[in-house]
Amino acid sequence: MVKEVQPHFIFSHFHDDTHQDHRHLAMSTITATRYTQNVLFYEGPTTQNFSPTVFVDIDQVLEEKVKAIEAHASQVKKTNIEGLSIVDVIRAGAHFRGNPGPGEKCRRLCSPSIVY
């Protein structure tokens, strides 16, 4: 599939994650893209031991990201902190990650295979 589509970038959850679906997705991505460049892994609320190597300013697209997350209505309230939604976590993370970073709001990624 990767050869057929030939994507410019591939994004996936980071493999060290307490959520089993995220772990399995990451490992499947690693297997499917072992000969592919520009594979980027991102952290989520359940990610552990993440060391980013790529920082992207997401200030211009943060609201689009929030809308996309809100489309998964069953997931929005699934956090381990009462009264805090996943949207709250995303907004706080974007602000926190943006300092220091390339912009006010930032997305941290890591990649074993990025080509600039």
N, C-alpha and C. Protein backbone atom coordinates (compact mmCIF):
# COMPACT_ATOMS: atom_id res chain seq x y z
N MET A 1 0.82 -1.19 0.00
CA MET A 1 0.00 0.00 0.00
C MET A 1 0.87 1.26 0.00
N VAL A 2 1.93 1.28 0.80
CA VAL A 2 2.80 2.45 0.87
C VAL A 2 3.43 2.72 -0.49
N LYS A 3 3.88 1.67 -1.17
CA LYS A 3 4.47 1.84 -2.51
C LYS A 3 3.43 2.37 -3.51
N GLU A 4 2.21 1.88 -3.39
CA GLU A 4 1.15 2.28 -4.31
C GLU A 4 0.77 3.75 -4.12
N VAL A 5 0.61 4.18 -2.88
CA VAL A 5 0.17 5.54 -2.58
C VAL A 5 1.33 6.54 -2.69
N GLN A 6 2.53 6.13 -2.29
CA GLN A 6 3.72 6.98 -2.28
C GLN A 6 3.50 8.31 -1.55
N PRO A 7 3.16 8.25 -0.28
CA PRO A 7 2.91 9.48 0.48
C PRO A 7 4.20 10.26 0.71
N HIS A 8 4.07 11.58 0.82
CA HIS A 8 5.23 12.42 1.12
C HIS A 8 5.63 12.27 2.59
N PHE A 9 4.63 12.13 3.46
CA PHE A 9 4.87 11.95 4.89
C PHE A 9 3.89 10.91 5.43
N ILE A 10 4.31 10.21 6.47
CA ILE A 10 3.45 9.27 7.17
C ILE A 10 3.53 9.63 8.65
N PHE A 11 2.38 9.78 9.29
CA PHE A 11 2.30 10.14 10.71
C PHE A 11 1.65 8.99 11.47
N SER A 12 2.21 8.68 12.64
CA SER A 12 1.65 7.62 13.47
C SER A 12 1.95 7.90 14.93
N HIS A 13 1.21 7.22 15.80
CA HIS A 13 1.50 7.27 17.23
C HIS A 13 2.91 6.76 17.47
N PHE A 14 3.54 7.25 18.53
CA PHE A 14 4.84 6.75 18.98
C PHE A 14 4.62 5.37 19.61
N HIS A 15 5.59 4.49 19.45
CA HIS A 15 5.43 3.09 19.87
C HIS A 15 5.40 2.88 21.39
N ASP A 16 6.01 3.76 22.16
CA ASP A 16 6.02 3.57 23.62
C ASP A 16 4.80 4.29 24.19
N ASP A 17 3.72 3.57 24.32
CA ASP A 17 2.43 4.14 24.68
C ASP A 17 1.69 3.14 25.56
N THR A 18 0.98 3.63 26.56
CA THR A 18 0.23 2.74 27.44
C THR A 18 -1.07 2.25 26.82
N HIS A 19 -1.51 2.88 25.73
CA HIS A 19 -2.74 2.46 25.05
C HIS A 19 -2.40 1.40 24.01
N GLN A 20 -2.97 0.22 24.15
CA GLN A 20 -2.62 -0.90 23.29
C GLN A 20 -2.90 -0.62 21.81
N ASP A 21 -3.96 0.09 21.48
CA ASP A 21 -4.24 0.40 20.08
C ASP A 21 -3.15 1.28 19.49
N HIS A 22 -2.67 2.25 20.27
CA HIS A 22 -1.60 3.15 19.79
C HIS A 22 -0.31 2.36 19.58
N ARG A 23 0.00 1.46 20.50
CA ARG A 23 1.22 0.63 20.36
C ARG A 23 1.15 -0.22 19.11
N HIS A 24 0.02 -0.89 18.91
CA HIS A 24 -0.11 -1.78 17.75
C HIS A 24 -0.09 -1.00 16.44
N LEU A 25 -0.72 0.16 16.41
CA LEU A 25 -0.67 0.99 15.21
C LEU A 25 0.76 1.41 14.90
N ALA A 26 1.49 1.84 15.93
CA ALA A 26 2.88 2.27 15.72
C ALA A 26 3.74 1.12 15.20
N MET A 27 3.60 -0.05 15.79
CA MET A 27 4.42 -1.19 15.35
C MET A 27 4.04 -1.63 13.94
N SER A 28 2.78 -1.56 13.60
CA SER A 28 2.35 -1.88 12.23
C SER A 28 2.90 -0.87 11.24
N THR A 29 2.91 0.40 11.65
CA THR A 29 3.47 1.45 10.80
C THR A 29 4.96 1.22 10.58
N ILE A 30 5.67 0.89 11.64
CA ILE A 30 7.11 0.63 11.53
C ILE A 30 7.37 -0.52 10.56
N THR A 31 6.58 -1.57 10.67
CA THR A 31 6.73 -2.71 9.79
C THR A 31 6.43 -2.34 8.34
N ALA A 32 5.34 -1.64 8.12
CA ALA A 32 4.92 -1.29 6.75
C ALA A 32 5.82 -0.26 6.09
N THR A 33 6.54 0.52 6.89
CA THR A 33 7.34 1.62 6.31
C THR A 33 8.84 1.42 6.50
N ARG A 34 9.28 0.20 6.70
CA ARG A 34 10.69 -0.03 7.02
C ARG A 34 11.64 0.43 5.92
N TYR A 35 11.16 0.58 4.70
CA TYR A 35 12.00 1.08 3.61
C TYR A 35 11.51 2.43 3.11
N THR A 36 10.83 3.17 3.97
CA THR A 36 10.19 4.42 3.58
C THR A 36 10.81 5.59 4.34
N GLN A 37 10.96 6.71 3.65
CA GLN A 37 11.44 7.92 4.30
C GLN A 37 10.26 8.77 4.78
N ASN A 38 10.58 9.73 5.64
CA ASN A 38 9.61 10.71 6.12
C ASN A 38 8.46 10.10 6.92
N VAL A 39 8.82 9.19 7.81
CA VAL A 39 7.86 8.62 8.76
C VAL A 39 8.04 9.40 10.06
N LEU A 40 6.97 9.98 10.55
CA LEU A 40 7.01 10.81 11.76
C LEU A 40 6.08 10.24 12.82
N PHE A 41 6.57 10.17 14.03
CA PHE A 41 5.78 9.67 15.15
C PHE A 41 5.45 10.82 16.08
N TYR A 42 4.20 10.84 16.55
CA TYR A 42 3.77 11.92 17.43
C TYR A 42 3.40 11.34 18.80
N GLU A 43 3.40 12.22 19.78
CA GLU A 43 3.01 11.81 21.13
C GLU A 43 1.54 12.09 21.35
N GLY A 44 0.94 11.28 22.17
CA GLY A 44 -0.43 11.49 22.59
C GLY A 44 -0.47 11.55 24.10
N PRO A 45 -1.64 11.69 24.68
CA PRO A 45 -1.74 11.79 26.14
C PRO A 45 -1.22 10.56 26.88
N THR A 46 -1.15 9.41 26.20
CA THR A 46 -0.70 8.18 26.85
C THR A 46 0.71 7.76 26.42
N THR A 47 1.40 8.63 25.70
CA THR A 47 2.76 8.35 25.23
C THR A 47 3.75 8.45 26.38
N GLN A 48 4.76 7.61 26.34
CA GLN A 48 5.83 7.61 27.35
C GLN A 48 7.18 7.75 26.64
N ASN A 49 8.16 8.29 27.36
CA ASN A 49 9.56 8.31 26.90
C ASN A 49 9.74 8.87 25.49
N PHE A 50 9.09 9.95 25.19
CA PHE A 50 9.11 10.56 23.86
C PHE A 50 10.20 11.62 23.81
N SER A 51 11.08 11.52 22.83
CA SER A 51 12.16 12.51 22.64
C SER A 51 12.04 13.09 21.24
N PRO A 52 11.39 14.24 21.11
CA PRO A 52 11.14 14.80 19.78
C PRO A 52 12.42 15.28 19.10
N THR A 53 12.42 15.16 17.78
CA THR A 53 13.53 15.65 16.97
C THR A 53 13.07 16.67 15.93
N VAL A 54 11.76 16.79 15.76
CA VAL A 54 11.16 17.70 14.79
C VAL A 54 10.10 18.53 15.51
N PHE A 55 10.13 19.84 15.29
CA PHE A 55 9.16 20.75 15.90
C PHE A 55 8.45 21.52 14.80
N VAL A 56 7.12 21.50 14.81
CA VAL A 56 6.33 22.13 13.75
C VAL A 56 5.37 23.13 14.38
N ASP A 57 5.37 24.34 13.87
CA ASP A 57 4.44 25.37 14.32
C ASP A 57 3.05 25.01 13.80
N ILE A 58 2.09 24.81 14.70
CA ILE A 58 0.73 24.44 14.30
C ILE A 58 -0.28 25.54 14.60
N ASP A 59 0.19 26.74 14.86
CA ASP A 59 -0.70 27.84 15.22
C ASP A 59 -1.81 28.03 14.19
N GLN A 60 -1.48 27.94 12.91
CA GLN A 60 -2.46 28.19 11.85
C GLN A 60 -3.47 27.05 11.66
N VAL A 61 -3.16 25.86 12.19
CA VAL A 61 -4.04 24.71 11.95
C VAL A 61 -4.61 24.10 13.24
N LEU A 62 -4.34 24.71 14.37
CA LEU A 62 -4.79 24.13 15.64
C LEU A 62 -6.31 23.97 15.68
N GLU A 63 -7.04 24.95 15.22
CA GLU A 63 -8.51 24.86 15.26
C GLU A 63 -9.02 23.74 14.35
N GLU A 64 -8.38 23.52 13.22
CA GLU A 64 -8.75 22.39 12.34
C GLU A 64 -8.49 21.07 13.05
N LYS A 65 -7.38 21.00 13.77
CA LYS A 65 -7.05 19.79 14.52
C LYS A 65 -8.11 19.54 15.59
N VAL A 66 -8.51 20.59 16.30
CA VAL A 66 -9.53 20.45 17.33
C VAL A 66 -10.84 19.96 16.73
N LYS A 67 -11.24 20.50 15.59
CA LYS A 67 -12.48 20.05 14.92
C LYS A 67 -12.39 18.58 14.53
N ALA A 68 -11.23 18.17 14.04
CA ALA A 68 -11.05 16.77 13.67
C ALA A 68 -11.17 15.85 14.89
N ILE A 69 -10.58 16.27 16.00
CA ILE A 69 -10.67 15.48 17.23
C ILE A 69 -12.12 15.44 17.73
N GLU A 70 -12.81 16.57 17.67
CA GLU A 70 -14.20 16.63 18.13
C GLU A 70 -15.11 15.74 17.28
N ALA A 71 -14.72 15.43 16.05
CA ALA A 71 -15.51 14.54 15.21
C ALA A 71 -15.55 13.12 15.78
N HIS A 72 -14.60 12.80 16.64
CA HIS A 72 -14.57 11.51 17.32
C HIS A 72 -15.21 11.68 18.70
N ALA A 73 -16.50 11.96 18.69
CA ALA A 73 -17.23 12.34 19.90
C ALA A 73 -17.06 11.33 21.04
N SER A 74 -16.97 10.05 20.73
CA SER A 74 -16.85 9.05 21.78
C SER A 74 -15.51 9.12 22.50
N GLN A 75 -14.53 9.79 21.91
CA GLN A 75 -13.18 9.85 22.49
C GLN A 75 -12.90 11.14 23.26
N VAL A 76 -13.68 12.17 23.02
CA VAL A 76 -13.37 13.51 23.55
C VAL A 76 -13.30 13.53 25.07
N LYS A 77 -14.17 12.84 25.75
CA LYS A 77 -14.20 12.87 27.21
C LYS A 77 -13.36 11.75 27.85
N LYS A 78 -12.68 10.97 27.05
CA LYS A 78 -11.89 9.85 27.58
C LYS A 78 -10.50 10.31 28.00
N THR A 79 -10.41 10.83 29.20
CA THR A 79 -9.13 11.15 29.80
C THR A 79 -9.16 10.60 31.23
N ASN A 80 -8.03 10.57 31.85
CA ASN A 80 -7.95 10.08 33.22
C ASN A 80 -8.12 11.20 34.24
N ILE A 81 -8.45 12.39 33.75
CA ILE A 81 -8.60 13.54 34.63
C ILE A 81 -10.03 14.05 34.52
N GLU A 82 -10.78 13.96 35.62
CA GLU A 82 -12.18 14.37 35.62
C GLU A 82 -12.30 15.84 35.23
N GLY A 83 -13.24 16.13 34.34
CA GLY A 83 -13.49 17.51 33.93
C GLY A 83 -12.55 18.02 32.85
N LEU A 84 -11.64 17.18 32.37
CA LEU A 84 -10.69 17.59 31.35
C LEU A 84 -10.93 16.74 30.10
N SER A 85 -11.22 17.40 28.98
CA SER A 85 -11.45 16.66 27.74
C SER A 85 -10.15 16.54 26.95
N ILE A 86 -10.17 15.69 25.96
CA ILE A 86 -8.99 15.52 25.11
C ILE A 86 -8.68 16.82 24.37
N VAL A 87 -9.69 17.62 24.07
CA VAL A 87 -9.48 18.92 23.44
C VAL A 87 -8.70 19.83 24.37
N ASP A 88 -9.03 19.81 25.66
CA ASP A 88 -8.27 20.59 26.64
C ASP A 88 -6.81 20.15 26.67
N VAL A 89 -6.60 18.84 26.61
CA VAL A 89 -5.24 18.28 26.62
C VAL A 89 -4.48 18.73 25.38
N ILE A 90 -5.13 18.70 24.23
CA ILE A 90 -4.48 19.09 22.96
C ILE A 90 -4.12 20.57 22.98
N ARG A 91 -5.05 21.40 23.40
CA ARG A 91 -4.76 22.85 23.46
C ARG A 91 -3.61 23.15 24.43
N ALA A 92 -3.66 22.56 25.61
CA ALA A 92 -2.60 22.79 26.60
C ALA A 92 -1.26 22.28 26.09
N GLY A 93 -1.27 21.10 25.48
CA GLY A 93 -0.04 20.53 24.94
C GLY A 93 0.56 21.39 23.85
N ALA A 94 -0.29 21.93 22.98
CA ALA A 94 0.20 22.78 21.88
C ALA A 94 0.86 24.04 22.43
N HIS A 95 0.27 24.63 23.46
CA HIS A 95 0.87 25.82 24.07
C HIS A 95 2.16 25.47 24.79
N PHE A 96 2.13 24.39 25.56
CA PHE A 96 3.31 23.97 26.31
C PHE A 96 4.46 23.63 25.36
N ARG A 97 4.17 22.90 24.30
CA ARG A 97 5.20 22.46 23.36
C ARG A 97 5.75 23.62 22.53
N GLY A 98 4.98 24.70 22.42
CA GLY A 98 5.41 25.84 21.62
C GLY A 98 6.47 26.70 22.29
N ASN A 99 6.77 26.40 23.55
CA ASN A 99 7.74 27.23 24.27
C ASN A 99 8.78 26.35 24.95
N PRO A 100 10.03 26.25 24.52
CA PRO A 100 10.53 26.91 23.32
C PRO A 100 10.19 26.09 22.08
N GLY A 101 10.01 26.73 21.01
CA GLY A 101 9.69 26.06 19.76
C GLY A 101 9.60 27.07 18.64
N PRO A 102 9.13 26.62 17.48
CA PRO A 102 9.10 27.51 16.33
C PRO A 102 7.96 28.52 16.34
N GLY A 103 6.99 28.33 17.21
CA GLY A 103 5.85 29.24 17.24
C GLY A 103 5.16 29.18 18.58
N GLU A 104 4.07 29.91 18.70
CA GLU A 104 3.34 29.95 19.96
C GLU A 104 2.75 28.58 20.30
N LYS A 105 2.28 27.87 19.26
CA LYS A 105 1.73 26.52 19.43
C LYS A 105 2.54 25.58 18.56
N CYS A 106 2.87 24.42 19.10
CA CYS A 106 3.81 23.55 18.42
C CYS A 106 3.38 22.09 18.54
N ARG A 107 3.75 21.31 17.55
CA ARG A 107 3.57 19.86 17.57
C ARG A 107 4.95 19.24 17.55
N ARG A 108 5.22 18.36 18.51
CA ARG A 108 6.51 17.70 18.58
C ARG A 108 6.41 16.34 17.90
N LEU A 109 7.41 16.02 17.11
CA LEU A 109 7.44 14.75 16.38
C LEU A 109 8.82 14.14 16.51
N CYS A 110 8.93 12.87 16.25
CA CYS A 110 10.25 12.28 16.14
C CYS A 110 10.26 11.40 14.91
N SER A 111 11.43 11.30 14.30
CA SER A 111 11.53 10.57 13.06
C SER A 111 12.89 9.91 12.92
N PRO A 112 12.88 8.62 12.63
CA PRO A 112 14.14 7.95 12.34
C PRO A 112 14.53 8.10 10.87
N SER A 113 13.63 8.69 10.06
CA SER A 113 13.86 8.64 8.61
C SER A 113 13.46 9.90 7.85
N ILE A 114 13.50 11.06 8.49
CA ILE A 114 13.06 12.26 7.79
C ILE A 114 14.17 12.76 6.84
N VAL A 115 13.72 13.19 5.67
CA VAL A 115 14.63 13.74 4.67
C VAL A 115 14.19 15.15 4.39
N TYR A 116 15.07 16.13 4.56
CA TYR A 116 14.72 17.53 4.35
C TYR A 116 15.01 17.95 2.94
